[in-house]
């Protein structure tokens, strides 16, 4: 988040473990054709569940994210309902800060 703050972006921060996103929000944000972009593949839970070897449906992935918010790729940056980034990506952040 320091990257965006360094660019003067005002942030409202939430601890996803304490305030996980709703199923409705995840349903809107998660693209089934790219589930790996939304899951935290570095999470111990991801590895323990051997999720890399499984082919998940969108519903299964969201069920897991709700059950264990540590499976959500962080940070989750929402600029508006159509501009969302899961995980750190400087190029995407730069595009996000432009009107």
C-alpha atoms as a PDB file:
ATOM      1  CA  UNK A   1       0.000   0.000   0.000  1.00  0.00           C
ATOM      2  CA  UNK A   2       3.039   2.208   0.458  1.00  0.00           C
ATOM      3  CA  UNK A   3       3.327   2.345  -3.344  1.00  0.00           C
ATOM      4  CA  UNK A   4      -0.093   3.959  -3.736  1.00  0.00           C
ATOM      5  CA  UNK A   5       0.329   6.177  -0.694  1.00  0.00           C
ATOM      6  CA  UNK A   6       3.631   7.385  -2.191  1.00  0.00           C
ATOM      7  CA  UNK A   7       1.649   8.514  -5.227  1.00  0.00           C
ATOM      8  CA  UNK A   8      -0.694  10.527  -3.026  1.00  0.00           C
ATOM      9  CA  UNK A   9      -3.602   8.081  -3.192  1.00  0.00           C
ATOM     10  CA  UNK A  10      -5.793   8.255  -0.122  1.00  0.00           C
ATOM     11  CA  UNK A  11      -6.646   4.770   1.073  1.00  0.00           C
ATOM     12  CA  UNK A  12      -9.246   3.279   3.333  1.00  0.00           C
ATOM     13  CA  UNK A  13      -7.725   0.119   4.747  1.00  0.00           C
ATOM     14  CA  UNK A  14      -9.518  -3.014   5.918  1.00  0.00           C
ATOM     15  CA  UNK A  15      -8.124  -6.123   7.518  1.00  0.00           C
ATOM     16  CA  UNK A  16      -9.550  -8.851   5.289  1.00  0.00           C
ATOM     17  CA  UNK A  17      -9.194 -11.412   8.069  1.00  0.00           C
ATOM     18  CA  UNK A  18     -11.391  -9.307  10.350  1.00  0.00           C
ATOM     19  CA  UNK A  19     -13.613  -7.798   7.651  1.00  0.00           C
ATOM     20  CA  UNK A  20     -13.741 -10.304   4.792  1.00  0.00           C
ATOM     21  CA  UNK A  21     -15.463  -9.264   1.579  1.00  0.00           C
ATOM     22  CA  UNK A  22     -19.010 -10.437   1.135  1.00  0.00           C
ATOM     23  CA  UNK A  23     -19.943 -13.312  -1.138  1.00  0.00           C
ATOM     24  CA  UNK A  24     -21.827 -10.817  -3.283  1.00  0.00           C
ATOM     25  CA  UNK A  25     -18.717  -8.671  -3.763  1.00  0.00           C
ATOM     26  CA  UNK A  26     -16.510 -11.673  -4.541  1.00  0.00           C
ATOM     27  CA  UNK A  27     -19.094 -12.972  -7.019  1.00  0.00           C
ATOM     28  CA  UNK A  28     -18.874  -9.617  -8.822  1.00  0.00           C
ATOM     29  CA  UNK A  29     -15.076  -9.373  -8.751  1.00  0.00           C
ATOM     30  CA  UNK A  30     -13.784 -12.899  -9.347  1.00  0.00           C
ATOM     31  CA  UNK A  31     -13.388 -14.008 -12.956  1.00  0.00           C
ATOM     32  CA  UNK A  32     -13.774 -17.769 -13.281  1.00  0.00           C
ATOM     33  CA  UNK A  33     -11.431 -17.938 -16.257  1.00  0.00           C
ATOM     34  CA  UNK A  34      -8.541 -16.573 -14.130  1.00  0.00           C
ATOM     35  CA  UNK A  35      -9.101 -17.909 -10.607  1.00  0.00           C
ATOM     36  CA  UNK A  36      -5.344 -18.020  -9.948  1.00  0.00           C
ATOM     37  CA  UNK A  37      -5.308 -14.201 -10.151  1.00  0.00           C
ATOM     38  CA  UNK A  38      -7.558 -14.004  -7.088  1.00  0.00           C
ATOM     39  CA  UNK A  39      -6.161 -16.751  -4.872  1.00  0.00           C
ATOM     40  CA  UNK A  40      -3.127 -16.263  -2.650  1.00  0.00           C
ATOM     41  CA  UNK A  41      -0.954 -19.100  -3.907  1.00  0.00           C
ATOM     42  CA  UNK A  42       1.686 -18.269  -1.261  1.00  0.00           C
ATOM     43  CA  UNK A  43      -0.724 -18.890   1.600  1.00  0.00           C
ATOM     44  CA  UNK A  44       0.095 -21.908   3.777  1.00  0.00           C
ATOM     45  CA  UNK A  45      -3.587 -22.810   3.551  1.00  0.00           C
ATOM     46  CA  UNK A  46      -3.382 -22.872  -0.254  1.00  0.00           C
ATOM     47  CA  UNK A  47      -0.415 -25.239  -0.064  1.00  0.00           C
ATOM     48  CA  UNK A  48      -1.864 -27.423   2.706  1.00  0.00           C
ATOM     49  CA  UNK A  49      -5.056 -27.902   0.699  1.00  0.00           C
ATOM     50  CA  UNK A  50      -3.015 -28.656  -2.433  1.00  0.00           C
ATOM     51  CA  UNK A  51      -5.160 -26.190  -4.352  1.00  0.00           C
ATOM     52  CA  UNK A  52      -2.578 -25.846  -7.120  1.00  0.00           C
ATOM     53  CA  UNK A  53      -3.304 -29.420  -8.154  1.00  0.00           C
ATOM     54  CA  UNK A  54      -7.073 -28.963  -8.196  1.00  0.00           C
ATOM     55  CA  UNK A  55      -9.304 -27.382 -10.795  1.00  0.00           C
ATOM     56  CA  UNK A  56     -11.718 -25.205  -8.849  1.00  0.00           C
ATOM     57  CA  UNK A  57     -14.969 -23.680  -9.974  1.00  0.00           C
ATOM     58  CA  UNK A  58     -15.668 -20.037  -9.204  1.00  0.00           C
ATOM     59  CA  UNK A  59     -18.131 -21.096  -6.511  1.00  0.00           C
ATOM     60  CA  UNK A  60     -15.588 -23.420  -4.872  1.00  0.00           C
ATOM     61  CA  UNK A  61     -12.907 -20.707  -4.927  1.00  0.00           C
ATOM     62  CA  UNK A  62     -15.268 -18.154  -3.363  1.00  0.00           C
ATOM     63  CA  UNK A  63     -16.424 -20.684  -0.749  1.00  0.00           C
ATOM     64  CA  UNK A  64     -12.771 -21.203   0.202  1.00  0.00           C
ATOM     65  CA  UNK A  65     -12.073 -17.446   0.304  1.00  0.00           C
ATOM     66  CA  UNK A  66     -15.027 -16.894   2.618  1.00  0.00           C
ATOM     67  CA  UNK A  67     -14.022 -19.826   4.818  1.00  0.00           C
ATOM     68  CA  UNK A  68     -10.382 -18.675   4.928  1.00  0.00           C
ATOM     69  CA  UNK A  69      -9.808 -15.017   3.947  1.00  0.00           C
ATOM     70  CA  UNK A  70      -6.051 -15.702   3.894  1.00  0.00           C
ATOM     71  CA  UNK A  71      -6.704 -17.353   0.544  1.00  0.00           C
ATOM     72  CA  UNK A  72      -7.611 -13.965  -0.972  1.00  0.00           C
ATOM     73  CA  UNK A  73      -4.703 -12.442  -2.870  1.00  0.00           C
ATOM     74  CA  UNK A  74      -3.630  -9.256  -1.152  1.00  0.00           C
ATOM     75  CA  UNK A  75      -3.808  -6.396  -1.263  1.00  0.00           C
ATOM     76  CA  UNK A  76      -7.291  -6.083  -2.650  1.00  0.00           C
ATOM     77  CA  UNK A  77      -7.583  -2.603  -4.149  1.00  0.00           C
ATOM     78  CA  UNK A  78     -11.001  -1.303  -5.179  1.00  0.00           C
ATOM     79  CA  UNK A  79     -11.089   2.023  -6.963  1.00  0.00           C
ATOM     80  CA  UNK A  80     -14.711   1.609  -8.007  1.00  0.00           C
ATOM     81  CA  UNK A  81     -16.855  -1.395  -8.909  1.00  0.00           C
ATOM     82  CA  UNK A  82     -15.140  -1.774 -12.284  1.00  0.00           C
ATOM     83  CA  UNK A  83     -11.519  -1.079 -11.322  1.00  0.00           C
ATOM     84  CA  UNK A  84     -10.251  -3.744  -8.955  1.00  0.00           C
ATOM     85  CA  UNK A  85      -6.803  -5.248  -8.455  1.00  0.00           C
ATOM     86  CA  UNK A  86      -5.970  -8.359  -6.457  1.00  0.00           C
ATOM     87  CA  UNK A  87      -2.310  -8.445  -5.433  1.00  0.00           C
ATOM     88  CA  UNK A  88       0.501  -5.976  -6.048  1.00  0.00           C
ATOM     89  CA  UNK A  89       1.034  -4.872  -9.647  1.00  0.00           C
ATOM     90  CA  UNK A  90       2.776  -1.505 -10.126  1.00  0.00           C
ATOM     91  CA  UNK A  91       1.635  -1.124 -13.751  1.00  0.00           C
ATOM     92  CA  UNK A  92      -1.991  -1.757 -12.851  1.00  0.00           C
ATOM     93  CA  UNK A  93      -1.709   0.578  -9.863  1.00  0.00           C
ATOM     94  CA  UNK A  94      -0.354   3.313 -12.121  1.00  0.00           C
ATOM     95  CA  UNK A  95      -3.297   2.888 -14.500  1.00  0.00           C
ATOM     96  CA  UNK A  96      -5.660   2.830 -11.538  1.00  0.00           C
ATOM     97  CA  UNK A  97      -4.478   6.232 -10.312  1.00  0.00           C
ATOM     98  CA  UNK A  98      -5.263   7.864 -13.657  1.00  0.00           C
ATOM     99  CA  UNK A  99      -8.777   9.297 -14.176  1.00  0.00           C
END
